[in-house]
Amino acid sequence: MTIKTKGWTAQIDRMPGAASFRTYGIVTVAHTGITPKLEVSEEQDKSYDLRLELKLENSNEISLQVETDKFVEYKVPGNSDVCSVSIFYEGKLLHHIDKVSITH
């Protein structure tokens, strides 16, 4: 299955009281009943590259059978030193973000 994505961004927020790390983007899914989610992969290397897995969850509800763009986000509070993000789907690299923006 081919996955279409766009607009991937990784951001470290260092604002006082709002410290966090987040990665987000748009995933095109086959129908409106599919919800994309990003989860930390069990496989991590010793670098500051964060490895995330894209999961597609199917609901059992009635849904429109039309390709739909859906927002997906991974967010964790606290300080972060992530310098890049690799997003995988079914064990294959889907997208790599090597520029992490930092907000002060």
PDB file of N, CA and C in Angstrom:
ATOM      1  N   MET A   1       0.836  -1.175   0.000  1.00  0.00           N
ATOM      2  CA  MET A   1       0.000   0.000   0.000  1.00  0.00           C
ATOM      3  C   MET A   1       0.887   1.247   0.000  1.00  0.00           C
ATOM      4  N   THR A   2       0.629   2.164  -0.899  1.00  0.00           N
ATOM      5  CA  THR A   2       1.367   3.413  -0.979  1.00  0.00           C
ATOM      6  C   THR A   2       0.678   4.462  -0.116  1.00  0.00           C
ATOM      7  N   ILE A   3       1.465   5.154   0.676  1.00  0.00           N
ATOM      8  CA  ILE A   3       0.951   6.196   1.551  1.00  0.00           C
ATOM      9  C   ILE A   3       1.416   7.543   1.017  1.00  0.00           C
ATOM     10  N   LYS A   4       0.469   8.480   0.844  1.00  0.00           N
ATOM     11  CA  LYS A   4       0.814   9.834   0.434  1.00  0.00           C
ATOM     12  C   LYS A   4       0.811  10.721   1.674  1.00  0.00           C
ATOM     13  N   THR A   5       1.863  11.519   1.819  1.00  0.00           N
ATOM     14  CA  THR A   5       1.959  12.437   2.947  1.00  0.00           C
ATOM     15  C   THR A   5       2.506  13.764   2.452  1.00  0.00           C
ATOM     16  N   LYS A   6       2.351  14.798   3.282  1.00  0.00           N
ATOM     17  CA  LYS A   6       2.914  16.110   2.945  1.00  0.00           C
ATOM     18  C   LYS A   6       2.972  16.973   4.202  1.00  0.00           C
ATOM     19  N   GLY A   7       3.733  18.042   4.109  1.00  0.00           N
ATOM     20  CA  GLY A   7       3.769  19.051   5.148  1.00  0.00           C
ATOM     21  C   GLY A   7       4.369  18.636   6.477  1.00  0.00           C
ATOM     22  N   TRP A   8       5.335  17.730   6.462  1.00  0.00           N
ATOM     23  CA  TRP A   8       5.922  17.263   7.724  1.00  0.00           C
ATOM     24  C   TRP A   8       6.762  18.356   8.368  1.00  0.00           C
ATOM     25  N   THR A   9       6.584  18.534   9.681  1.00  0.00           N
ATOM     26  CA  THR A   9       7.321  19.521  10.458  1.00  0.00           C
ATOM     27  C   THR A   9       7.677  18.927  11.810  1.00  0.00           C
ATOM     28  N   ALA A  10       8.862  19.262  12.304  1.00  0.00           N
ATOM     29  CA  ALA A  10       9.276  18.883  13.655  1.00  0.00           C
ATOM     30  C   ALA A  10       9.649  20.162  14.380  1.00  0.00           C
ATOM     31  N   GLN A  11       9.205  20.292  15.638  1.00  0.00           N
ATOM     32  CA  GLN A  11       9.421  21.526  16.376  1.00  0.00           C
ATOM     33  C   GLN A  11       9.719  21.245  17.844  1.00  0.00           C
ATOM     34  N   ILE A  12      10.742  21.925  18.344  1.00  0.00           N
ATOM     35  CA  ILE A  12      11.034  21.936  19.773  1.00  0.00           C
ATOM     36  C   ILE A  12      10.600  23.301  20.287  1.00  0.00           C
ATOM     37  N   ASP A  13       9.721  23.305  21.268  1.00  0.00           N
ATOM     38  CA  ASP A  13       9.240  24.551  21.875  1.00  0.00           C
ATOM     39  C   ASP A  13       9.947  24.710  23.217  1.00  0.00           C
ATOM     40  N   ARG A  14      10.742  25.747  23.345  1.00  0.00           N
ATOM     41  CA  ARG A  14      11.476  25.995  24.587  1.00  0.00           C
ATOM     42  C   ARG A  14      10.925  27.194  25.351  1.00  0.00           C
ATOM     43  N   MET A  15       9.711  27.598  25.030  1.00  0.00           N
ATOM     44  CA  MET A  15       9.076  28.707  25.740  1.00  0.00           C
ATOM     45  C   MET A  15       8.836  28.288  27.194  1.00  0.00           C
ATOM     46  N   PRO A  16       9.111  29.181  28.154  1.00  0.00           N
ATOM     47  CA  PRO A  16       8.886  28.838  29.567  1.00  0.00           C
ATOM     48  C   PRO A  16       7.433  28.418  29.809  1.00  0.00           C
ATOM     49  N   GLY A  17       7.280  27.302  30.488  1.00  0.00           N
ATOM     50  CA  GLY A  17       5.938  26.786  30.790  1.00  0.00           C
ATOM     51  C   GLY A  17       5.287  25.999  29.673  1.00  0.00           C
ATOM     52  N   ALA A  18       5.912  25.962  28.503  1.00  0.00           N
ATOM     53  CA  ALA A  18       5.311  25.247  27.370  1.00  0.00           C
ATOM     54  C   ALA A  18       6.301  24.319  26.686  1.00  0.00           C
ATOM     55  N   ALA A  19       7.362  23.951  27.380  1.00  0.00           N
ATOM     56  CA  ALA A  19       8.397  23.121  26.763  1.00  0.00           C
ATOM     57  C   ALA A  19       7.804  21.824  26.230  1.00  0.00           C
ATOM     58  N   SER A  20       8.071  21.547  24.947  1.00  0.00           N
ATOM     59  CA  SER A  20       7.538  20.332  24.333  1.00  0.00           C
ATOM     60  C   SER A  20       8.259  20.048  23.021  1.00  0.00           C
ATOM     61  N   PHE A  21       8.013  18.860  22.498  1.00  0.00           N
ATOM     62  CA  PHE A  21       8.475  18.470  21.169  1.00  0.00           C
ATOM     63  C   PHE A  21       7.273  17.946  20.415  1.00  0.00           C
ATOM     64  N   ARG A  22       7.165  18.322  19.145  1.00  0.00           N
ATOM     65  CA  ARG A  22       6.078  17.781  18.338  1.00  0.00           C
ATOM     66  C   ARG A  22       6.498  17.619  16.887  1.00  0.00           C
ATOM     67  N   THR A  23       5.896  16.633  16.273  1.00  0.00           N
ATOM     68  CA  THR A  23       6.047  16.371  14.852  1.00  0.00           C
ATOM     69  C   THR A  23       4.645  16.237  14.286  1.00  0.00           C
ATOM     70  N   TYR A  24       4.417  16.851  13.127  1.00  0.00           N
ATOM     71  CA  TYR A  24       3.077  16.759  12.542  1.00  0.00           C
ATOM     72  C   TYR A  24       3.142  16.831  11.021  1.00  0.00           C
ATOM     73  N   GLY A  25       2.080  16.368  10.410  1.00  0.00           N
ATOM     74  CA  GLY A  25       1.984  16.379   8.956  1.00  0.00           C
ATOM     75  C   GLY A  25       0.593  15.980   8.515  1.00  0.00           C
ATOM     76  N   ILE A  26       0.433  15.813   7.217  1.00  0.00           N
ATOM     77  CA  ILE A  26      -0.841  15.427   6.613  1.00  0.00           C
ATOM     78  C   ILE A  26      -0.660  14.064   5.947  1.00  0.00           C
ATOM     79  N   VAL A  27      -1.601  13.160   6.227  1.00  0.00           N
ATOM     80  CA  VAL A  27      -1.588  11.827   5.632  1.00  0.00           C
ATOM     81  C   VAL A  27      -2.869  11.667   4.822  1.00  0.00           C
ATOM     82  N   THR A  28      -2.745  11.216   3.573  1.00  0.00           N
ATOM     83  CA  THR A  28      -3.918  10.934   2.751  1.00  0.00           C
ATOM     84  C   THR A  28      -4.336   9.495   3.006  1.00  0.00           C
ATOM     85  N   VAL A  29      -5.576   9.321   3.485  1.00  0.00           N
ATOM     86  CA  VAL A  29      -6.092   7.984   3.796  1.00  0.00           C
ATOM     87  C   VAL A  29      -7.155   7.595   2.781  1.00  0.00           C
ATOM     88  N   ALA A  30      -7.432   6.290   2.667  1.00  0.00           N
ATOM     89  CA  ALA A  30      -8.330   5.770   1.643  1.00  0.00           C
ATOM     90  C   ALA A  30      -9.795   6.130   1.860  1.00  0.00           C
ATOM     91  N   HIS A  31     -10.198   6.323   3.121  1.00  0.00           N
ATOM     92  CA  HIS A  31     -11.578   6.721   3.408  1.00  0.00           C
ATOM     93  C   HIS A  31     -11.644   7.431   4.756  1.00  0.00           C
ATOM     94  N   THR A  32     -12.758   8.081   5.035  1.00  0.00           N
ATOM     95  CA  THR A  32     -12.876   8.920   6.230  1.00  0.00           C
ATOM     96  C   THR A  32     -12.872   8.132   7.537  1.00  0.00           C
ATOM     97  N   GLY A  33     -13.032   6.831   7.488  1.00  0.00           N
ATOM     98  CA  GLY A  33     -13.042   6.009   8.692  1.00  0.00           C
ATOM     99  C   GLY A  33     -11.657   5.608   9.185  1.00  0.00           C
ATOM    100  N   ILE A  34     -10.609   6.051   8.506  1.00  0.00           N
ATOM    101  CA  ILE A  34      -9.237   5.730   8.904  1.00  0.00           C
ATOM    102  C   ILE A  34      -8.647   6.924   9.649  1.00  0.00           C
ATOM    103  N   THR A  35      -8.056   6.643  10.810  1.00  0.00           N
ATOM    104  CA  THR A  35      -7.411   7.678  11.608  1.00  0.00           C
ATOM    105  C   THR A  35      -5.915   7.379  11.700  1.00  0.00           C
ATOM    106  N   PRO A  36      -5.068   8.301  11.208  1.00  0.00           N
ATOM    107  CA  PRO A  36      -3.620   8.096  11.336  1.00  0.00           C
ATOM    108  C   PRO A  36      -3.135   8.485  12.723  1.00  0.00           C
ATOM    109  N   LYS A  37      -2.140   7.740  13.240  1.00  0.00           N
ATOM    110  CA  LYS A  37      -1.541   8.033  14.547  1.00  0.00           C
ATOM    111  C   LYS A  37      -0.044   7.836  14.435  1.00  0.00           C
ATOM    112  N   LEU A  38       0.699   8.638  15.194  1.00  0.00           N
ATOM    113  CA  LEU A  38       2.147   8.490  15.276  1.00  0.00           C
ATOM    114  C   LEU A  38       2.501   7.971  16.654  1.00  0.00           C
ATOM    115  N   GLU A  39       3.320   6.926  16.688  1.00  0.00           N
ATOM    116  CA  GLU A  39       3.755   6.331  17.944  1.00  0.00           C
ATOM    117  C   GLU A  39       5.266   6.170  17.925  1.00  0.00           C
ATOM    118  N   VAL A  40       5.871   6.240  19.099  1.00  0.00           N
ATOM    119  CA  VAL A  40       7.311   6.009  19.195  1.00  0.00           C
ATOM    120  C   VAL A  40       7.586   4.544  18.868  1.00  0.00           C
ATOM    121  N   SER A  41       8.529   4.322  17.984  1.00  0.00           N
ATOM    122  CA  SER A  41       8.914   2.968  17.600  1.00  0.00           C
ATOM    123  C   SER A  41       9.677   2.296  18.732  1.00  0.00           C
ATOM    124  N   GLU A  42       9.508   0.994  18.854  1.00  0.00           N
ATOM    125  CA  GLU A  42      10.282   0.241  19.840  1.00  0.00           C
ATOM    126  C   GLU A  42      11.761   0.242  19.471  1.00  0.00           C
ATOM    127  N   GLU A  43      12.052   0.355  18.180  1.00  0.00           N
ATOM    128  CA  GLU A  43      13.438   0.407  17.702  1.00  0.00           C
ATOM    129  C   GLU A  43      13.914   1.849  17.715  1.00  0.00           C
ATOM    130  N   GLN A  44      14.896   2.146  18.540  1.00  0.00           N
ATOM    131  CA  GLN A  44      15.525   3.462  18.577  1.00  0.00           C
ATOM    132  C   GLN A  44      17.027   3.246  18.541  1.00  0.00           C
ATOM    133  N   ASP A  45      17.734   4.124  17.822  1.00  0.00           N
ATOM    134  CA  ASP A  45      19.188   4.017  17.876  1.00  0.00           C
ATOM    135  C   ASP A  45      19.716   4.961  18.948  1.00  0.00           C
ATOM    136  N   LYS A  46      21.009   5.051  19.079  1.00  0.00           N
ATOM    137  CA  LYS A  46      21.595   5.852  20.156  1.00  0.00           C
ATOM    138  C   LYS A  46      21.838   7.305  19.748  1.00  0.00           C
ATOM    139  N   SER A  47      21.399   7.684  18.567  1.00  0.00           N
ATOM    140  CA  SER A  47      21.554   9.071  18.132  1.00  0.00           C
ATOM    141  C   SER A  47      20.357   9.889  18.625  1.00  0.00           C
ATOM    142  N   TYR A  48      20.322  11.143  18.234  1.00  0.00           N
ATOM    143  CA  TYR A  48      19.198  12.005  18.597  1.00  0.00           C
ATOM    144  C   TYR A  48      18.130  11.995  17.518  1.00  0.00           C
ATOM    145  N   ASP A  49      18.138  10.969  16.653  1.00  0.00           N
ATOM    146  CA  ASP A  49      17.107  10.784  15.633  1.00  0.00           C
ATOM    147  C   ASP A  49      15.956  10.018  16.279  1.00  0.00           C
ATOM    148  N   LEU A  50      14.774  10.626  16.285  1.00  0.00           N
ATOM    149  CA  LEU A  50      13.599   9.981  16.849  1.00  0.00           C
ATOM    150  C   LEU A  50      12.914   9.162  15.764  1.00  0.00           C
ATOM    151  N   ARG A  51      12.650   7.908  16.058  1.00  0.00           N
ATOM    152  CA  ARG A  51      11.992   7.021  15.100  1.00  0.00           C
ATOM    153  C   ARG A  51      10.528   6.864  15.516  1.00  0.00           C
ATOM    154  N   LEU A  52       9.624   7.261  14.616  1.00  0.00           N
ATOM    155  CA  LEU A  52       8.184   7.153  14.854  1.00  0.00           C
ATOM    156  C   LEU A  52       7.558   6.195  13.857  1.00  0.00           C
ATOM    157  N   GLU A  53       6.495   5.514  14.292  1.00  0.00           N
ATOM    158  CA  GLU A  53       5.734   4.614  13.429  1.00  0.00           C
ATOM    159  C   GLU A  53       4.388   5.247  13.126  1.00  0.00           C
ATOM    160  N   LEU A  54       4.029   5.267  11.854  1.00  0.00           N
ATOM    161  CA  LEU A  54       2.704   5.708  11.452  1.00  0.00           C
ATOM    162  C   LEU A  54       1.780   4.501  11.493  1.00  0.00           C
ATOM    163  N   LYS A  55       0.704   4.621  12.246  1.00  0.00           N
ATOM    164  CA  LYS A  55      -0.306   3.555  12.345  1.00  0.00           C
ATOM    165  C   LYS A  55      -1.612   4.087  11.777  1.00  0.00           C
ATOM    166  N   LEU A  56      -2.333   3.247  11.054  1.00  0.00           N
ATOM    167  CA  LEU A  56      -3.637   3.618  10.521  1.00  0.00           C
ATOM    168  C   LEU A  56      -4.696   2.783  11.215  1.00  0.00           C
ATOM    169  N   GLU A  57      -5.577   3.444  11.951  1.00  0.00           N
ATOM    170  CA  GLU A  57      -6.626   2.743  12.688  1.00  0.00           C
ATOM    171  C   GLU A  57      -7.948   2.874  11.947  1.00  0.00           C
ATOM    172  N   ASN A  58      -8.604   1.724  11.739  1.00  0.00           N
ATOM    173  CA  ASN A  58      -9.903   1.687  11.076  1.00  0.00           C
ATOM    174  C   ASN A  58     -11.021   1.738  12.105  1.00  0.00           C
ATOM    175  N   SER A  59     -11.995   2.584  11.883  1.00  0.00           N
ATOM    176  CA  SER A  59     -13.180   2.571  12.742  1.00  0.00           C
ATOM    177  C   SER A  59     -14.203   1.624  12.098  1.00  0.00           C
ATOM    178  N   ASN A  60     -15.125   1.137  12.880  1.00  0.00           N
ATOM    179  CA  ASN A  60     -16.165   0.257  12.345  1.00  0.00           C
ATOM    180  C   ASN A  60     -17.422   1.026  11.969  1.00  0.00           C
ATOM    181  N   GLU A  61     -17.308   2.343  11.958  1.00  0.00           N
ATOM    182  CA  GLU A  61     -18.445   3.179  11.613  1.00  0.00           C
ATOM    183  C   GLU A  61     -18.574   3.324  10.107  1.00  0.00           C
ATOM    184  N   ILE A  62     -19.729   3.731   9.661  1.00  0.00           N
ATOM    185  CA  ILE A  62     -19.955   4.010   8.247  1.00  0.00           C
ATOM    186  C   ILE A  62     -19.129   5.233   7.879  1.00  0.00           C
ATOM    187  N   SER A  63     -18.421   5.161   6.755  1.00  0.00           N
ATOM    188  CA  SER A  63     -17.570   6.272   6.344  1.00  0.00           C
ATOM    189  C   SER A  63     -17.639   6.468   4.839  1.00  0.00           C
ATOM    190  N   LEU A  64     -17.307   7.671   4.413  1.00  0.00           N
ATOM    191  CA  LEU A  64     -17.288   7.978   2.990  1.00  0.00           C
ATOM    192  C   LEU A  64     -16.084   7.303   2.336  1.00  0.00           C
ATOM    193  N   GLN A  65     -16.299   6.664   1.215  1.00  0.00           N
ATOM    194  CA  GLN A  65     -15.233   5.959   0.509  1.00  0.00           C
ATOM    195  C   GLN A  65     -14.552   6.914  -0.465  1.00  0.00           C
ATOM    196  N   VAL A  66     -13.869   7.882   0.099  1.00  0.00           N
ATOM    197  CA  VAL A  66     -13.170   8.888  -0.692  1.00  0.00           C
ATOM    198  C   VAL A  66     -11.843   9.211  -0.011  1.00  0.00           C
ATOM    199  N   GLU A  67     -10.783   9.386  -0.802  1.00  0.00           N
ATOM    200  CA  GLU A  67      -9.493   9.747  -0.225  1.00  0.00           C
ATOM    201  C   GLU A  67      -9.631  11.048   0.549  1.00  0.00           C
ATOM    202  N   THR A  68      -9.052  11.068   1.740  1.00  0.00           N
ATOM    203  CA  THR A  68      -9.184  12.207   2.637  1.00  0.00           C
ATOM    204  C   THR A  68      -7.835  12.549   3.255  1.00  0.00           C
ATOM    205  N   ASP A  69      -7.514  13.835   3.306  1.00  0.00           N
ATOM    206  CA  ASP A  69      -6.305  14.287   3.998  1.00  0.00           C
ATOM    207  C   ASP A  69      -6.621  14.448   5.475  1.00  0.00           C
ATOM    208  N   LYS A  70      -5.784  13.844   6.338  1.00  0.00           N
ATOM    209  CA  LYS A  70      -5.983  13.951   7.783  1.00  0.00           C
ATOM    210  C   LYS A  70      -4.698  14.395   8.458  1.00  0.00           C
ATOM    211  N   PHE A  71      -4.862  15.272   9.434  1.00  0.00           N
ATOM    212  CA  PHE A  71      -3.758  15.784  10.236  1.00  0.00           C
ATOM    213  C   PHE A  71      -3.336  14.715  11.240  1.00  0.00           C
ATOM    214  N   VAL A  72      -2.036  14.557  11.413  1.00  0.00           N
ATOM    215  CA  VAL A  72      -1.512  13.611  12.405  1.00  0.00           C
ATOM    216  C   VAL A  72      -0.398  14.319  13.182  1.00  0.00           C
ATOM    217  N   GLU A  73      -0.358  14.063  14.497  1.00  0.00           N
ATOM    218  CA  GLU A  73       0.624  14.741  15.337  1.00  0.00           C
ATOM    219  C   GLU A  73       1.118  13.811  16.437  1.00  0.00           C
ATOM    220  N   TYR A  74       2.406  13.933  16.727  1.00  0.00           N
ATOM    221  CA  TYR A  74       3.011  13.301  17.891  1.00  0.00           C
ATOM    222  C   TYR A  74       3.533  14.443  18.742  1.00  0.00           C
ATOM    223  N   LYS A  75       3.143  14.486  20.024  1.00  0.00           N
ATOM    224  CA  LYS A  75       3.578  15.566  20.900  1.00  0.00           C
ATOM    225  C   LYS A  75       3.898  15.010  22.278  1.00  0.00           C
ATOM    226  N   VAL A  76       5.005  15.490  22.843  1.00  0.00           N
ATOM    227  CA  VAL A  76       5.417  15.078  24.181  1.00  0.00           C
ATOM    228  C   VAL A  76       5.901  16.330  24.930  1.00  0.00           C
ATOM    229  N   PRO A  77       5.407  16.525  26.166  1.00  0.00           N
ATOM    230  CA  PRO A  77       5.848  17.686  26.937  1.00  0.00           C
ATOM    231  C   PRO A  77       7.256  17.496  27.494  1.00  0.00           C
ATOM    232  N   GLY A  78       7.914  18.609  27.811  1.00  0.00           N
ATOM    233  CA  GLY A  78       9.241  18.558  28.413  1.00  0.00           C
ATOM    234  C   GLY A  78      10.326  18.987  27.452  1.00  0.00           C
ATOM    235  N   ASN A  79      11.546  19.041  27.963  1.00  0.00           N
ATOM    236  CA  ASN A  79      12.701  19.425  27.148  1.00  0.00           C
ATOM    237  C   ASN A  79      13.060  18.314  26.181  1.00  0.00           C
ATOM    238  N   SER A  80      13.606  18.705  25.046  1.00  0.00           N
ATOM    239  CA  SER A  80      13.944  17.727  24.018  1.00  0.00           C
ATOM    240  C   SER A  80      15.260  18.101  23.349  1.00  0.00           C
ATOM    241  N   ASP A  81      16.007  17.071  22.935  1.00  0.00           N
ATOM    242  CA  ASP A  81      17.243  17.259  22.184  1.00  0.00           C
ATOM    243  C   ASP A  81      17.177  16.570  20.823  1.00  0.00           C
ATOM    244  N   VAL A  82      15.984  16.284  20.347  1.00  0.00           N
ATOM    245  CA  VAL A  82      15.812  15.608  19.060  1.00  0.00           C
ATOM    246  C   VAL A  82      16.371  16.499  17.951  1.00  0.00           C
ATOM    247  N   CYS A  83      17.196  15.920  17.072  1.00  0.00           N
ATOM    248  CA  CYS A  83      17.753  16.711  15.976  1.00  0.00           C
ATOM    249  C   CYS A  83      17.220  16.273  14.610  1.00  0.00           C
ATOM    250  N   SER A  84      16.531  15.126  14.562  1.00  0.00           N
ATOM    251  CA  SER A  84      15.890  14.679  13.327  1.00  0.00           C
ATOM    252  C   SER A  84      14.832  13.632  13.674  1.00  0.00           C
ATOM    253  N   VAL A  85      13.921  13.415  12.720  1.00  0.00           N
ATOM    254  CA  VAL A  85      12.828  12.461  12.923  1.00  0.00           C
ATOM    255  C   VAL A  85      12.711  11.578  11.693  1.00  0.00           C
ATOM    256  N   SER A  86      12.596  10.277  11.917  1.00  0.00           N
ATOM    257  CA  SER A  86      12.350   9.322  10.836  1.00  0.00           C
ATOM    258  C   SER A  86      10.978   8.701  11.076  1.00  0.00           C
ATOM    259  N   ILE A  87      10.131   8.780  10.055  1.00  0.00           N
ATOM    260  CA  ILE A  87       8.778   8.243  10.169  1.00  0.00           C
ATOM    261  C   ILE A  87       8.685   7.006   9.285  1.00  0.00           C
ATOM    262  N   PHE A  88       8.278   5.899   9.910  1.00  0.00           N
ATOM    263  CA  PHE A  88       8.190   4.618   9.223  1.00  0.00           C
ATOM    264  C   PHE A  88       6.739   4.167   9.131  1.00  0.00           C
ATOM    265  N   TYR A  89       6.443   3.420   8.070  1.00  0.00           N
ATOM    266  CA  TYR A  89       5.146   2.778   7.923  1.00  0.00           C
ATOM    267  C   TYR A  89       5.392   1.341   7.477  1.00  0.00           C
ATOM    268  N   GLU A  90       4.910   0.393   8.261  1.00  0.00           N
ATOM    269  CA  GLU A  90       5.092  -1.035   7.988  1.00  0.00           C
ATOM    270  C   GLU A  90       6.563  -1.379   7.763  1.00  0.00           C
ATOM    271  N   GLY A  91       7.436  -0.811   8.610  1.00  0.00           N
ATOM    272  CA  GLY A  91       8.856  -1.137   8.568  1.00  0.00           C
ATOM    273  C   GLY A  91       9.673  -0.414   7.514  1.00  0.00           C
ATOM    274  N   LYS A  92       9.036   0.398   6.678  1.00  0.00           N
ATOM    275  CA  LYS A  92       9.751   1.117   5.621  1.00  0.00           C
ATOM    276  C   LYS A  92       9.746   2.609   5.910  1.00  0.00           C
ATOM    277  N   LEU A  93      10.885   3.261   5.619  1.00  0.00           N
ATOM    278  CA  LEU A  93      10.999   4.694   5.824  1.00  0.00           C
ATOM    279  C   LEU A  93      10.014   5.430   4.921  1.00  0.00           C
ATOM    280  N   LEU A  94       9.163   6.215   5.533  1.00  0.00           N
ATOM    281  CA  LEU A  94       8.148   6.982   4.809  1.00  0.00           C
ATOM    282  C   LEU A  94       8.632   8.410   4.574  1.00  0.00           C
ATOM    283  N   HIS A  95       9.228   8.996   5.612  1.00  0.00           N
ATOM    284  CA  HIS A  95       9.693  10.383   5.504  1.00  0.00           C
ATOM    285  C   HIS A  95      10.770  10.628   6.564  1.00  0.00           C
ATOM    286  N   HIS A  96      11.731  11.477   6.226  1.00  0.00           N
ATOM    287  CA  HIS A  96      12.778  11.861   7.183  1.00  0.00           C
ATOM    288  C   HIS A  96      12.796  13.379   7.291  1.00  0.00           C
ATOM    289  N   ILE A  97      12.776  13.876   8.521  1.00  0.00           N
ATOM    290  CA  ILE A  97      12.854  15.310   8.779  1.00  0.00           C
ATOM    291  C   ILE A  97      14.220  15.580   9.394  1.00  0.00           C
ATOM    292  N   ASP A  98      15.057  16.342   8.703  1.00  0.00           N
ATOM    293  CA  ASP A  98      16.379  16.614   9.250  1.00  0.00           C
ATOM    294  C   ASP A  98      16.531  18.054   9.720  1.00  0.00           C
ATOM    295  N   LYS A  99      15.464  18.835   9.606  1.00  0.00           N
ATOM    296  CA  LYS A  99      15.502  20.205  10.091  1.00  0.00           C
ATOM    297  C   LYS A  99      14.413  20.369  11.157  1.00  0.00           C
ATOM    298  N   VAL A 100      14.825  20.469  12.407  1.00  0.00           N
ATOM    299  CA  VAL A 100      13.903  20.646  13.525  1.00  0.00           C
ATOM    300  C   VAL A 100      13.920  22.128  13.912  1.00  0.00           C
ATOM    301  N   SER A 101      12.769  22.774  13.852  1.00  0.00           N
ATOM    302  CA  SER A 101      12.721  24.180  14.242  1.00  0.00           C
ATOM    303  C   SER A 101      12.646  24.294  15.758  1.00  0.00           C
ATOM    304  N   ILE A 102      13.251  25.350  16.275  1.00  0.00           N
ATOM    305  CA  ILE A 102      13.276  25.582  17.722  1.00  0.00           C
ATOM    306  C   ILE A 102      12.645  26.940  18.002  1.00  0.00           C
ATOM    307  N   THR A 103      11.666  26.945  18.890  1.00  0.00           N
ATOM    308  CA  THR A 103      10.982  28.172  19.308  1.00  0.00           C
ATOM    309  C   THR A 103      11.461  28.542  20.693  1.00  0.00           C
ATOM    310  N   HIS A 104      11.895  29.789  20.865  1.00  0.00           N
ATOM    311  CA  HIS A 104      12.377  30.257  22.170  1.00  0.00           C
ATOM    312  C   HIS A 104      11.389  31.218  22.775  1.00  0.00           C
TER     313      HIS A 104
END
